[in-house]
Amino acid sequence: MGGTEHLSVRRAGATLILTLNRPEAKNALSLGMLVGLYDGWLAADEDDEVRSIVLTGAGGTFCTGMDLKALAGKGMAGEQYRDRLAADPDLHWKAMLRHHRPRKPVIAAVEGYCVAGGTEILQGTDIRVAGESATFGLFEVRRGLFPIGGSTVRLPRQIPRTHALEMLLTGRAYTATEAAAVGLVGHVVPDGTALEKALAIAEQINACGPLAVEAVKASVYEAAEMTEAEGLAAELKRGWPVFDTADAKEGARAFVEKRVPVFRRA
């Protein structure tokens, strides 16, 4: 089913689960992890049986950011992937959802640390669940660095600017409760249950018409960069064709017949 030594992949029904799997390094991003992530995004979009994606981390940690040594391909940990990075120098940004957006909804299930590059990847996901002891933050300025994974652009568009600037400029840690209060995550659940909650949300999405789900997601992101009038026009362009699909007709019939609809991406 794909994956690498630092990124595991498995299916749960119509959901593809990508797990950052380097717990001994608190799931710091290695080149193998980034290659696995990007391949996972592509695999999900290419498989019509996959309707949602859940991203999580192994060992009670989500991700603590970039492992610069591994990214440079130095040592055995990244050597076998250097040709992939050479062939596509943008691969790491695509893996981190900076330069790539999957068609399928992406749900983050966060336990433990989700900091630096972890918080940057988080901003590329669509729905976010956190265990109550999870920790968030963009620590780069404390080290004299810049959060170049997209946070100075995306974060102020996702949470109020005053909160975005405080997070970016202080480099302090945020609790899951604080992250939820400013809108960075949508759900805070008991520790150890973030994946369970994310999969429950995924099942709700999977029960919906896949063509409609993908069109709605695309419309939301497309319209975000438009004026209201432009966004409304773009919404009609994306939305009207959905009404002509077999899925839409099945949804209407199922409603009338009081049964669960069976969608077939048609």
C-alpha atoms as a PDB file:
ATOM      1  CA  MET A   1       0.000   0.000   0.000  1.00  0.00           C
ATOM      2  CA  GLY A   2       3.006   2.261  -0.238  1.00  0.00           C
ATOM      3  CA  GLY A   3       4.686   4.264   2.482  1.00  0.00           C
ATOM      4  CA  THR A   4       8.296   4.436   3.614  1.00  0.00           C
ATOM      5  CA  GLU A   5      10.228   3.573   6.758  1.00  0.00           C
ATOM      6  CA  HIS A   6       9.084   6.895   8.269  1.00  0.00           C
ATOM      7  CA  LEU A   7       5.548   7.111   6.833  1.00  0.00           C
ATOM      8  CA  SER A   8       3.047   4.284   7.212  1.00  0.00           C
ATOM      9  CA  VAL A   9      -0.096   3.932   5.133  1.00  0.00           C
ATOM     10  CA  ARG A  10      -3.238   1.930   5.823  1.00  0.00           C
ATOM     11  CA  ARG A  11      -6.890   1.900   4.836  1.00  0.00           C
ATOM     12  CA  ALA A  12      -9.883   2.088   7.132  1.00  0.00           C
ATOM     13  CA  GLY A  13     -12.856   1.669   4.845  1.00  0.00           C
ATOM     14  CA  ALA A  14     -12.875   4.610   2.455  1.00  0.00           C
ATOM     15  CA  THR A  15     -10.328   6.540   4.530  1.00  0.00           C
ATOM     16  CA  LEU A  16      -6.591   6.515   3.859  1.00  0.00           C
ATOM     17  CA  ILE A  17      -4.592   6.945   7.077  1.00  0.00           C
ATOM     18  CA  LEU A  18      -1.110   8.444   6.762  1.00  0.00           C
ATOM     19  CA  THR A  19       0.975   8.118   9.928  1.00  0.00           C
ATOM     20  CA  LEU A  20       4.182  10.052  10.530  1.00  0.00           C
ATOM     21  CA  ASN A  21       6.212   7.169  11.897  1.00  0.00           C
ATOM     22  CA  ARG A  22       9.493   8.258  13.396  1.00  0.00           C
ATOM     23  CA  PRO A  23       8.649   8.291  17.108  1.00  0.00           C
ATOM     24  CA  GLU A  24      12.268   8.019  18.244  1.00  0.00           C
ATOM     25  CA  ALA A  25      12.795  11.504  16.755  1.00  0.00           C
ATOM     26  CA  LYS A  26       9.359  12.831  17.789  1.00  0.00           C
ATOM     27  CA  ASN A  27       8.317  12.475  14.149  1.00  0.00           C
ATOM     28  CA  ALA A  28      10.725  15.117  12.895  1.00  0.00           C
ATOM     29  CA  LEU A  29      10.435  15.376   9.125  1.00  0.00           C
ATOM     30  CA  SER A  30      12.960  13.220   7.310  1.00  0.00           C
ATOM     31  CA  LEU A  31      13.358  12.936   3.567  1.00  0.00           C
ATOM     32  CA  GLY A  32      11.792   9.480   3.682  1.00  0.00           C
ATOM     33  CA  MET A  33       8.806  10.864   5.556  1.00  0.00           C
ATOM     34  CA  LEU A  34       8.340  13.679   3.052  1.00  0.00           C
ATOM     35  CA  VAL A  35       8.545  11.321   0.073  1.00  0.00           C
ATOM     36  CA  GLY A  36       6.002   9.035   1.720  1.00  0.00           C
ATOM     37  CA  LEU A  37       3.692  11.939   2.478  1.00  0.00           C
ATOM     38  CA  TYR A  38       3.685  13.268  -1.057  1.00  0.00           C
ATOM     39  CA  ASP A  39       3.151   9.795  -2.495  1.00  0.00           C
ATOM     40  CA  GLY A  40       0.289   9.342  -0.027  1.00  0.00           C
ATOM     41  CA  TRP A  41      -1.453  12.536  -1.116  1.00  0.00           C
ATOM     42  CA  LEU A  42      -1.199  11.449  -4.752  1.00  0.00           C
ATOM     43  CA  ALA A  43      -2.324   7.883  -4.046  1.00  0.00           C
ATOM     44  CA  ALA A  44      -5.436   9.125  -2.236  1.00  0.00           C
ATOM     45  CA  ASP A  45      -6.442  11.402  -5.082  1.00  0.00           C
ATOM     46  CA  GLU A  46      -5.841   8.726  -7.718  1.00  0.00           C
ATOM     47  CA  ASP A  47      -7.942   6.079  -5.950  1.00  0.00           C
ATOM     48  CA  ASP A  48     -11.675   6.643  -6.376  1.00  0.00           C
ATOM     49  CA  GLU A  49     -12.346   4.258  -3.494  1.00  0.00           C
ATOM     50  CA  VAL A  50     -10.621   6.691  -1.110  1.00  0.00           C
ATOM     51  CA  ARG A  51     -12.960   9.485  -0.012  1.00  0.00           C
ATOM     52  CA  SER A  52     -11.022  11.061   2.853  1.00  0.00           C
ATOM     53  CA  ILE A  53      -7.535  11.194   4.362  1.00  0.00           C
ATOM     54  CA  VAL A  54      -6.487  11.221   8.010  1.00  0.00           C
ATOM     55  CA  LEU A  55      -3.015  12.455   8.933  1.00  0.00           C
ATOM     56  CA  THR A  56      -1.632  11.507  12.337  1.00  0.00           C
ATOM     57  CA  GLY A  57       1.597  10.687  14.147  1.00  0.00           C
ATOM     58  CA  ALA A  58       2.983   7.603  15.877  1.00  0.00           C
ATOM     59  CA  GLY A  59       4.165   7.379  19.471  1.00  0.00           C
ATOM     60  CA  GLY A  60       1.922  10.054  20.945  1.00  0.00           C
ATOM     61  CA  THR A  61       3.458  12.889  18.891  1.00  0.00           C
ATOM     62  CA  PHE A  62       2.243  14.547  15.705  1.00  0.00           C
ATOM     63  CA  CYS A  63       5.356  16.295  14.344  1.00  0.00           C
ATOM     64  CA  THR A  64       8.133  18.470  15.756  1.00  0.00           C
ATOM     65  CA  GLY A  65       9.286  20.000  12.486  1.00  0.00           C
ATOM     66  CA  MET A  66      12.097  19.580  10.034  1.00  0.00           C
ATOM     67  CA  ASP A  67      15.114  17.339  10.461  1.00  0.00           C
ATOM     68  CA  LEU A  68      17.569  19.383   8.408  1.00  0.00           C
ATOM     69  CA  LYS A  69      20.271  16.713   8.376  1.00  0.00           C
ATOM     70  CA  ALA A  70      17.898  14.092   7.013  1.00  0.00           C
ATOM     71  CA  LEU A  71      16.410  16.506   4.491  1.00  0.00           C
ATOM     72  CA  ALA A  72      19.879  17.161   3.110  1.00  0.00           C
ATOM     73  CA  GLY A  73      20.107  13.430   2.476  1.00  0.00           C
ATOM     74  CA  LYS A  74      23.227  13.023   4.596  1.00  0.00           C
ATOM     75  CA  GLY A  75      23.677   9.549   6.008  1.00  0.00           C
ATOM     76  CA  MET A  76      21.783   6.365   5.244  1.00  0.00           C
ATOM     77  CA  ALA A  77      18.445   7.737   6.440  1.00  0.00           C
ATOM     78  CA  GLY A  78      17.830   9.764   3.303  1.00  0.00           C
ATOM     79  CA  GLU A  79      20.306   8.523   0.741  1.00  0.00           C
ATOM     80  CA  GLN A  80      17.857   6.329  -1.194  1.00  0.00           C
ATOM     81  CA  TYR A  81      15.507   9.278  -1.748  1.00  0.00           C
ATOM     82  CA  ARG A  82      17.957  11.858  -3.046  1.00  0.00           C
ATOM     83  CA  ASP A  83      17.044  11.064  -6.647  1.00  0.00           C
ATOM     84  CA  ARG A  84      13.399  11.894  -5.910  1.00  0.00           C
ATOM     85  CA  LEU A  85      14.337  15.298  -4.512  1.00  0.00           C
ATOM     86  CA  ALA A  86      16.705  15.934  -7.417  1.00  0.00           C
ATOM     87  CA  ALA A  87      13.953  15.086  -9.914  1.00  0.00           C
ATOM     88  CA  ASP A  88      11.429  17.311  -8.111  1.00  0.00           C
ATOM     89  CA  PRO A  89      13.063  20.046  -5.987  1.00  0.00           C
ATOM     90  CA  ASP A  90       9.566  21.132  -4.909  1.00  0.00           C
ATOM     91  CA  LEU A  91       8.703  17.711  -3.452  1.00  0.00           C
ATOM     92  CA  HIS A  92       9.159  18.695   0.187  1.00  0.00           C
ATOM     93  CA  TRP A  93       6.828  21.697  -0.166  1.00  0.00           C
ATOM     94  CA  LYS A  94       4.216  19.483  -1.834  1.00  0.00           C
ATOM     95  CA  ALA A  95       4.535  16.936   0.962  1.00  0.00           C
ATOM     96  CA  MET A  96       3.993  19.668   3.559  1.00  0.00           C
ATOM     97  CA  LEU A  97       0.871  20.851   1.688  1.00  0.00           C
ATOM     98  CA  ARG A  98       2.484  24.187   0.893  1.00  0.00           C
ATOM     99  CA  HIS A  99       2.469  23.705  -2.887  1.00  0.00           C
ATOM    100  CA  HIS A 100      -0.098  20.914  -3.157  1.00  0.00           C
ATOM    101  CA  ARG A 101      -3.726  20.540  -2.092  1.00  0.00           C
ATOM    102  CA  PRO A 102      -5.306  17.071  -2.209  1.00  0.00           C
ATOM    103  CA  ARG A 103      -8.759  16.831  -3.781  1.00  0.00           C
ATOM    104  CA  LYS A 104      -9.966  14.674  -0.906  1.00  0.00           C
ATOM    105  CA  PRO A 105     -10.633  16.188   2.559  1.00  0.00           C
ATOM    106  CA  VAL A 106      -7.675  15.907   4.940  1.00  0.00           C
ATOM    107  CA  ILE A 107      -8.343  15.529   8.677  1.00  0.00           C
ATOM    108  CA  ALA A 108      -5.503  15.968  11.167  1.00  0.00           C
ATOM    109  CA  ALA A 109      -5.488  13.843  14.335  1.00  0.00           C
ATOM    110  CA  VAL A 110      -2.995  15.477  16.698  1.00  0.00           C
ATOM    111  CA  GLU A 111      -1.551  14.048  19.887  1.00  0.00           C
ATOM    112  CA  GLY A 112       1.440  15.505  21.738  1.00  0.00           C
ATOM    113  CA  TYR A 113       3.735  17.951  19.988  1.00  0.00           C
ATOM    114  CA  CYS A 114       2.609  19.655  16.790  1.00  0.00           C
ATOM    115  CA  VAL A 115       5.165  22.442  16.571  1.00  0.00           C
ATOM    116  CA  ALA A 116       7.299  24.315  14.017  1.00  0.00           C
ATOM    117  CA  GLY A 117       6.924  22.351  10.760  1.00  0.00           C
ATOM    118  CA  GLY A 118       4.184  20.314  12.405  1.00  0.00           C
ATOM    119  CA  THR A 119       2.041  23.408  12.893  1.00  0.00           C
ATOM    120  CA  GLU A 120       2.890  24.445   9.319  1.00  0.00           C
ATOM    121  CA  ILE A 121       1.660  21.131   7.877  1.00  0.00           C
ATOM    122  CA  LEU A 122      -1.429  21.440  10.066  1.00  0.00           C
ATOM    123  CA  GLN A 123      -2.400  24.620   8.225  1.00  0.00           C
ATOM    124  CA  GLY A 124      -2.645  22.603   4.994  1.00  0.00           C
ATOM    125  CA  THR A 125      -5.246  20.250   6.457  1.00  0.00           C
ATOM    126  CA  ASP A 126      -8.987  20.856   6.295  1.00  0.00           C
ATOM    127  CA  ILE A 127     -10.347  19.622   9.638  1.00  0.00           C
ATOM    128  CA  ARG A 128      -8.322  19.331  12.860  1.00  0.00           C
ATOM    129  CA  VAL A 129      -8.734  17.273  16.016  1.00  0.00           C
ATOM    130  CA  ALA A 130      -6.383  17.505  19.010  1.00  0.00           C
ATOM    131  CA  GLY A 131      -5.858  15.537  22.179  1.00  0.00           C
ATOM    132  CA  GLU A 132      -6.231  17.748  25.239  1.00  0.00           C
ATOM    133  CA  SER A 133      -2.485  17.596  26.045  1.00  0.00           C
ATOM    134  CA  ALA A 134      -1.381  18.509  22.507  1.00  0.00           C
ATOM    135  CA  THR A 135       1.048  21.418  22.104  1.00  0.00           C
ATOM    136  CA  PHE A 136       1.158  23.793  19.138  1.00  0.00           C
ATOM    137  CA  GLY A 137       3.468  26.621  18.148  1.00  0.00           C
ATOM    138  CA  LEU A 138       5.760  28.203  15.601  1.00  0.00           C
ATOM    139  CA  PHE A 139       9.077  28.351  17.444  1.00  0.00           C
ATOM    140  CA  GLU A 140      11.218  29.584  14.549  1.00  0.00           C
ATOM    141  CA  VAL A 141      11.741  33.186  15.689  1.00  0.00           C
ATOM    142  CA  ARG A 142      13.091  31.948  19.033  1.00  0.00           C
ATOM    143  CA  ARG A 143      15.908  30.317  17.077  1.00  0.00           C
ATOM    144  CA  GLY A 144      16.458  33.225  14.711  1.00  0.00           C
ATOM    145  CA  LEU A 145      14.679  31.369  11.916  1.00  0.00           C
ATOM    146  CA  PHE A 146      11.713  32.040   9.624  1.00  0.00           C
ATOM    147  CA  PRO A 147       8.602  29.787   9.389  1.00  0.00           C
ATOM    148  CA  ILE A 148       8.975  29.348   5.657  1.00  0.00           C
ATOM    149  CA  GLY A 149       6.417  26.537   5.355  1.00  0.00           C
ATOM    150  CA  GLY A 150       3.701  29.080   4.605  1.00  0.00           C
ATOM    151  CA  SER A 151       2.671  30.263   8.068  1.00  0.00           C
ATOM    152  CA  THR A 152       3.136  34.017   7.536  1.00  0.00           C
ATOM    153  CA  VAL A 153       0.666  33.747   4.645  1.00  0.00           C
ATOM    154  CA  ARG A 154      -1.773  31.053   5.726  1.00  0.00           C
ATOM    155  CA  LEU A 155      -2.074  31.534   9.463  1.00  0.00           C
ATOM    156  CA  PRO A 156      -3.516  35.118   9.317  1.00  0.00           C
ATOM    157  CA  ARG A 157      -6.106  33.809   6.830  1.00  0.00           C
ATOM    158  CA  GLN A 158      -7.148  30.974   9.117  1.00  0.00           C
ATOM    159  CA  ILE A 159      -7.253  32.625  12.539  1.00  0.00           C
ATOM    160  CA  PRO A 160      -7.676  36.297  13.576  1.00  0.00           C
ATOM    161  CA  ARG A 161      -4.612  38.348  12.645  1.00  0.00           C
ATOM    162  CA  THR A 162      -3.867  39.427  16.202  1.00  0.00           C
ATOM    163  CA  HIS A 163      -3.632  35.783  17.295  1.00  0.00           C
ATOM    164  CA  ALA A 164      -1.636  34.837  14.204  1.00  0.00           C
ATOM    165  CA  LEU A 165       0.885  37.598  14.838  1.00  0.00           C
ATOM    166  CA  GLU A 166       1.206  36.688  18.501  1.00  0.00           C
ATOM    167  CA  MET A 167       1.900  33.070  17.620  1.00  0.00           C
ATOM    168  CA  LEU A 168       4.390  34.020  14.893  1.00  0.00           C
ATOM    169  CA  LEU A 169       6.201  36.785  16.788  1.00  0.00           C
ATOM    170  CA  THR A 170       6.462  35.282  20.266  1.00  0.00           C
ATOM    171  CA  GLY A 171       7.274  31.719  19.246  1.00  0.00           C
ATOM    172  CA  ARG A 172       5.529  30.499  22.391  1.00  0.00           C
ATOM    173  CA  ALA A 173       3.789  27.182  22.909  1.00  0.00           C
ATOM    174  CA  TYR A 174      -0.012  26.946  22.778  1.00  0.00           C
ATOM    175  CA  THR A 175      -2.165  24.380  24.545  1.00  0.00           C
ATOM    176  CA  ALA A 176      -4.889  22.524  22.681  1.00  0.00           C
ATOM    177  CA  THR A 177      -7.482  24.623  24.501  1.00  0.00           C
ATOM    178  CA  GLU A 178      -5.797  27.837  23.359  1.00  0.00           C
ATOM    179  CA  ALA A 179      -5.482  26.514  19.807  1.00  0.00           C
ATOM    180  CA  ALA A 180      -9.194  25.749  19.748  1.00  0.00           C
ATOM    181  CA  ALA A 181     -10.060  29.155  21.218  1.00  0.00           C
ATOM    182  CA  VAL A 182      -8.300  30.985  18.369  1.00  0.00           C
ATOM    183  CA  GLY A 183      -9.677  28.592  15.732  1.00  0.00           C
ATOM    184  CA  LEU A 184      -6.522  26.675  14.818  1.00  0.00           C
ATOM    185  CA  VAL A 185      -8.194  23.353  15.681  1.00  0.00           C
ATOM    186  CA  GLY A 186     -11.850  22.424  15.686  1.00  0.00           C
ATOM    187  CA  HIS A 187     -12.069  19.685  18.315  1.00  0.00           C
ATOM    188  CA  VAL A 188     -10.284  18.963  21.595  1.00  0.00           C
ATOM    189  CA  VAL A 189     -10.788  15.407  22.838  1.00  0.00           C
ATOM    190  CA  PRO A 190      -9.362  13.224  25.628  1.00  0.00           C
ATOM    191  CA  ASP A 191      -5.755  12.203  25.090  1.00  0.00           C
ATOM    192  CA  GLY A 192      -5.398   9.114  22.957  1.00  0.00           C
ATOM    193  CA  THR A 193      -8.723   9.579  21.148  1.00  0.00           C
ATOM    194  CA  ALA A 194      -7.843  12.124  18.446  1.00  0.00           C
ATOM    195  CA  LEU A 195      -7.533   9.433  15.771  1.00  0.00           C
ATOM    196  CA  GLU A 196     -10.839   7.885  16.803  1.00  0.00           C
ATOM    197  CA  LYS A 197     -12.591  11.256  16.516  1.00  0.00           C
ATOM    198  CA  ALA A 198     -10.904  12.023  13.185  1.00  0.00           C
ATOM    199  CA  LEU A 199     -12.034   8.675  11.780  1.00  0.00           C
ATOM    200  CA  ALA A 200     -15.578   9.343  12.977  1.00  0.00           C
ATOM    201  CA  ILE A 201     -15.581  12.658  11.092  1.00  0.00           C
ATOM    202  CA  ALA A 202     -14.101  10.901   8.062  1.00  0.00           C
ATOM    203  CA  GLU A 203     -16.951   8.366   8.127  1.00  0.00           C
ATOM    204  CA  GLN A 204     -19.481  11.199   8.045  1.00  0.00           C
ATOM    205  CA  ILE A 205     -17.697  12.646   5.002  1.00  0.00           C
ATOM    206  CA  ASN A 206     -17.432   9.236   3.348  1.00  0.00           C
ATOM    207  CA  ALA A 207     -21.208   8.824   3.584  1.00  0.00           C
ATOM    208  CA  CYS A 208     -21.709  11.942   1.436  1.00  0.00           C
ATOM    209  CA  GLY A 209     -21.556  12.239  -2.332  1.00  0.00           C
ATOM    210  CA  PRO A 210     -17.828  12.209  -3.230  1.00  0.00           C
ATOM    211  CA  LEU A 211     -18.193  14.463  -6.266  1.00  0.00           C
ATOM    212  CA  ALA A 212     -20.115  16.975  -4.181  1.00  0.00           C
ATOM    213  CA  VAL A 213     -17.552  16.812  -1.354  1.00  0.00           C
ATOM    214  CA  GLU A 214     -14.639  17.429  -3.688  1.00  0.00           C
ATOM    215  CA  ALA A 215     -16.438  20.269  -5.472  1.00  0.00           C
ATOM    216  CA  VAL A 216     -17.346  21.938  -2.154  1.00  0.00           C
ATOM    217  CA  LYS A 217     -13.764  21.748  -0.892  1.00  0.00           C
ATOM    218  CA  ALA A 218     -12.404  23.127  -4.164  1.00  0.00           C
ATOM    219  CA  SER A 219     -14.935  25.968  -4.146  1.00  0.00           C
ATOM    220  CA  VAL A 220     -14.079  27.025  -0.579  1.00  0.00           C
ATOM    221  CA  TYR A 221     -10.361  27.345  -1.343  1.00  0.00           C
ATOM    222  CA  GLU A 222     -10.852  28.863  -4.775  1.00  0.00           C
ATOM    223  CA  ALA A 223     -13.208  31.559  -3.487  1.00  0.00           C
ATOM    224  CA  ALA A 224     -10.929  32.467  -0.581  1.00  0.00           C
ATOM    225  CA  GLU A 225      -8.734  34.493  -2.918  1.00  0.00           C
ATOM    226  CA  MET A 226     -11.612  36.182  -4.769  1.00  0.00           C
ATOM    227  CA  THR A 227     -13.999  39.029  -4.200  1.00  0.00           C
ATOM    228  CA  GLU A 228     -17.454  37.961  -3.054  1.00  0.00           C
ATOM    229  CA  ALA A 229     -18.897  38.487  -6.544  1.00  0.00           C
ATOM    230  CA  GLU A 230     -16.096  36.459  -8.149  1.00  0.00           C
ATOM    231  CA  GLY A 231     -16.499  33.731  -5.553  1.00  0.00           C
ATOM    232  CA  LEU A 232     -20.235  33.457  -6.094  1.00  0.00           C
ATOM    233  CA  ALA A 233     -19.728  33.174  -9.854  1.00  0.00           C
ATOM    234  CA  ALA A 234     -17.067  30.510  -9.370  1.00  0.00           C
ATOM    235  CA  GLU A 235     -19.357  28.632  -6.962  1.00  0.00           C
ATOM    236  CA  LEU A 236     -22.078  28.405  -9.608  1.00  0.00           C
ATOM    237  CA  LYS A 237     -19.558  27.164 -12.157  1.00  0.00           C
ATOM    238  CA  ARG A 238     -18.450  24.365  -9.840  1.00  0.00           C
ATOM    239  CA  GLY A 239     -21.771  23.662  -8.183  1.00  0.00           C
ATOM    240  CA  TRP A 240     -24.310  23.417 -11.011  1.00  0.00           C
ATOM    241  CA  PRO A 241     -22.668  20.418 -12.739  1.00  0.00           C
ATOM    242  CA  VAL A 242     -22.969  18.437  -9.504  1.00  0.00           C
ATOM    243  CA  PHE A 243     -26.776  18.562  -9.811  1.00  0.00           C
ATOM    244  CA  ASP A 244     -26.549  16.674 -13.127  1.00  0.00           C
ATOM    245  CA  THR A 245     -24.629  13.718 -11.693  1.00  0.00           C
ATOM    246  CA  ALA A 246     -25.993  10.259 -10.957  1.00  0.00           C
ATOM    247  CA  ASP A 247     -24.922  10.812  -7.349  1.00  0.00           C
ATOM    248  CA  ALA A 248     -27.262  13.799  -7.063  1.00  0.00           C
ATOM    249  CA  LYS A 249     -30.157  11.797  -8.477  1.00  0.00           C
ATOM    250  CA  GLU A 250     -29.378   8.929  -6.103  1.00  0.00           C
ATOM    251  CA  GLY A 251     -29.348  11.337  -3.162  1.00  0.00           C
ATOM    252  CA  ALA A 252     -32.781  12.672  -4.108  1.00  0.00           C
ATOM    253  CA  ARG A 253     -34.235   9.182  -4.598  1.00  0.00           C
ATOM    254  CA  ALA A 254     -32.841   7.977  -1.290  1.00  0.00           C
ATOM    255  CA  PHE A 255     -34.414  10.949   0.488  1.00  0.00           C
ATOM    256  CA  VAL A 256     -37.833  10.233  -1.006  1.00  0.00           C
ATOM    257  CA  GLU A 257     -37.508   6.496  -0.313  1.00  0.00           C
ATOM    258  CA  LYS A 258     -36.224   7.129   3.246  1.00  0.00           C
ATOM    259  CA  ARG A 259     -33.058   5.051   2.818  1.00  0.00           C
ATOM    260  CA  VAL A 260     -29.308   5.549   2.961  1.00  0.00           C
ATOM    261  CA  PRO A 261     -27.988   6.716  -0.440  1.00  0.00           C
ATOM    262  CA  VAL A 262     -25.320   4.703  -2.265  1.00  0.00           C
ATOM    263  CA  PHE A 263     -22.966   7.060  -4.092  1.00  0.00           C
ATOM    264  CA  ARG A 264     -20.770   5.835  -6.957  1.00  0.00           C
ATOM    265  CA  ARG A 265     -18.836   8.923  -8.113  1.00  0.00           C
ATOM    266  CA  ALA A 266     -20.985   9.219 -11.228  1.00  0.00           C
END
